[in-house]
Amino acid sequence: MTPTGHTATHSPSRRIMHVGSAGMLLGGLLIAIGSLLPWVSTPVGHLSGTVGPGLWTLCAGVIVIAGALLPYRRVALAHAFVPGVAVATLAMWQFIRLIQLSATTDSWGRLLPGIGLVMVSGGAVVVLRAAWRIRAAG
């Protein structure tokens, strides 16, 4: 009994993790870490992702990680889909830009995507797959 004389009742605990949480955590970490790593490799050095759109993808990665910890399915779906599409679009734009620069300067094989750009792209795929799973589950 509690001090007020009533018996304590326990409400069922609310689940924090949902069907897409694991994928969102993995994809969000890939995006966040990849945003800080080199995005372009050149013969004279590397260009960091934070010089360009890496700051945007870093923010998107943090939003995805936050969405993985929310118990609400619709909110988690938005936290996976919107940043996933944005990051995939930015990464695709960067790949197209590398191809364009290589073609116009005749420097094929000298401008290569760095590990950060590859990680961000993979993270976007993982996050979009998690969004698909969340949508299919509900």
Protein backbone atom coordinates (compact mmCIF):
# COMPACT_ATOMS: atom_id res chain seq x y z
CA MET A 1 0.00 0.00 0.00
CA THR A 2 1.10 3.53 -0.67
CA PRO A 3 1.20 6.23 2.02
CA THR A 4 -2.22 7.46 0.86
CA GLY A 5 -3.81 4.08 1.55
CA HIS A 6 -4.27 3.06 -2.10
CA THR A 7 -2.68 0.09 -3.73
CA ALA A 8 -0.09 0.86 -6.36
CA THR A 9 -1.07 -0.04 -9.89
CA HIS A 10 1.49 -0.51 -12.57
CA SER A 11 0.67 0.65 -16.04
CA PRO A 12 2.16 -1.33 -18.88
CA SER A 13 5.47 0.11 -19.96
CA ARG A 14 5.60 1.83 -23.31
CA ARG A 15 8.01 0.37 -25.84
CA ILE A 16 10.67 2.78 -26.98
CA MET A 17 12.11 0.68 -29.78
CA HIS A 18 10.03 0.04 -32.90
CA VAL A 19 10.49 -2.14 -35.94
CA GLY A 20 12.86 0.32 -37.65
CA SER A 21 14.91 1.39 -34.64
CA ALA A 22 17.93 -0.83 -35.31
CA GLY A 23 18.17 0.23 -38.95
CA MET A 24 17.68 3.87 -38.06
CA LEU A 25 20.40 3.73 -35.40
CA LEU A 26 22.85 2.04 -37.77
CA GLY A 27 22.01 4.31 -40.70
CA GLY A 28 22.06 7.45 -38.55
CA LEU A 29 25.49 6.55 -37.17
CA LEU A 30 26.80 5.84 -40.68
CA ILE A 31 25.51 9.20 -41.87
CA ALA A 32 26.81 11.15 -38.86
CA ILE A 33 30.28 9.58 -38.86
CA GLY A 34 30.58 9.65 -42.66
CA SER A 35 29.75 13.36 -42.65
CA LEU A 36 32.96 14.07 -40.75
CA LEU A 37 35.24 11.92 -42.92
CA PRO A 38 36.80 12.78 -46.32
CA TRP A 39 34.28 12.97 -49.17
CA VAL A 40 36.67 13.47 -52.09
CA SER A 41 40.11 11.96 -52.58
CA THR A 42 42.55 13.76 -54.86
CA PRO A 43 46.24 13.15 -55.62
CA VAL A 44 47.15 16.13 -53.42
CA GLY A 45 44.91 15.32 -50.45
CA HIS A 46 41.39 14.83 -49.24
CA LEU A 47 38.39 17.16 -49.02
CA SER A 48 36.34 16.79 -45.87
CA GLY A 49 32.57 16.50 -45.95
CA THR A 50 32.26 19.39 -43.52
CA VAL A 51 33.58 21.75 -46.20
CA GLY A 52 30.42 21.22 -48.24
CA PRO A 53 27.09 19.54 -47.53
CA GLY A 54 28.55 17.33 -44.79
CA LEU A 55 27.19 19.65 -42.12
CA TRP A 56 23.68 19.15 -43.51
CA THR A 57 24.08 15.40 -43.56
CA LEU A 58 25.48 15.47 -40.02
CA CYS A 59 22.31 17.21 -38.85
CA ALA A 60 20.19 14.70 -40.76
CA GLY A 61 22.07 11.81 -39.12
CA VAL A 62 21.35 13.21 -35.67
CA ILE A 63 17.66 13.59 -36.57
CA VAL A 64 17.57 9.95 -37.69
CA ILE A 65 19.19 8.77 -34.45
CA ALA A 66 16.66 10.79 -32.43
CA GLY A 67 13.81 9.27 -34.43
CA ALA A 68 15.07 5.77 -33.69
CA LEU A 69 14.48 6.42 -29.99
CA LEU A 70 10.93 7.72 -30.34
CA PRO A 71 8.07 5.29 -29.57
CA TYR A 72 5.63 6.87 -32.04
CA ARG A 73 5.53 5.10 -35.40
CA ARG A 74 4.41 8.01 -37.56
CA VAL A 75 6.95 10.39 -36.08
CA ALA A 76 9.69 7.77 -36.45
CA LEU A 77 8.65 7.25 -40.07
CA ALA A 78 9.04 10.98 -40.73
CA HIS A 79 12.41 10.95 -38.93
CA ALA A 80 13.56 8.19 -41.26
CA PHE A 81 12.00 9.16 -44.59
CA VAL A 82 12.64 12.92 -44.79
CA PRO A 83 16.33 12.89 -43.74
CA GLY A 84 16.92 9.68 -45.73
CA VAL A 85 15.67 11.25 -48.96
CA ALA A 86 17.60 14.47 -48.26
CA VAL A 87 20.87 12.65 -47.58
CA ALA A 88 20.43 10.36 -50.60
CA THR A 89 19.79 13.42 -52.79
CA LEU A 90 22.86 15.26 -51.47
CA ALA A 91 25.08 12.20 -51.90
CA MET A 92 23.82 11.59 -55.43
CA TRP A 93 24.44 15.25 -56.25
CA GLN A 94 28.01 14.93 -54.99
CA PHE A 95 28.62 11.80 -57.09
CA ILE A 96 27.22 13.54 -60.19
CA ARG A 97 29.38 16.59 -59.43
CA LEU A 98 32.50 14.39 -59.19
CA ILE A 99 31.67 12.80 -62.55
CA GLN A 100 31.03 16.22 -64.08
CA LEU A 101 34.33 17.64 -62.78
CA SER A 102 36.22 14.57 -63.97
CA ALA A 103 34.67 14.85 -67.43
CA THR A 104 35.24 18.60 -67.89
CA THR A 105 38.84 18.58 -66.61
CA ASP A 106 39.78 15.23 -68.20
CA SER A 107 40.92 13.97 -64.80
CA TRP A 108 39.33 10.52 -64.76
CA GLY A 109 40.67 8.50 -61.85
CA ARG A 110 42.10 11.48 -60.00
CA LEU A 111 38.91 12.69 -58.29
CA LEU A 112 37.50 9.75 -56.37
CA PRO A 113 34.71 9.52 -53.81
CA GLY A 114 36.10 9.30 -50.30
CA ILE A 115 35.08 6.92 -47.55
CA GLY A 116 32.83 9.53 -45.95
CA LEU A 117 30.70 9.97 -49.08
CA VAL A 118 30.40 6.21 -49.44
CA MET A 119 29.39 5.83 -45.77
CA VAL A 120 26.81 8.60 -46.04
CA SER A 121 25.34 7.00 -49.16
CA GLY A 122 25.15 3.61 -47.49
CA GLY A 123 23.60 5.16 -44.39
CA ALA A 124 20.91 6.78 -46.53
CA VAL A 125 20.07 3.40 -48.06
CA VAL A 126 19.85 1.78 -44.61
CA VAL A 127 17.63 4.59 -43.29
CA LEU A 128 15.30 4.44 -46.29
CA ARG A 129 15.02 0.67 -45.87
CA ALA A 130 14.13 1.21 -42.21
CA ALA A 131 11.48 3.71 -43.28
CA TRP A 132 10.06 1.10 -45.64
CA ARG A 133 9.93 -1.45 -42.79
CA ILE A 134 8.19 1.02 -40.47
CA ARG A 135 5.61 1.81 -43.13
CA ALA A 136 5.01 -1.87 -43.91
CA ALA A 137 4.63 -2.78 -40.22
CA GLY A 138 1.81 -0.39 -39.51
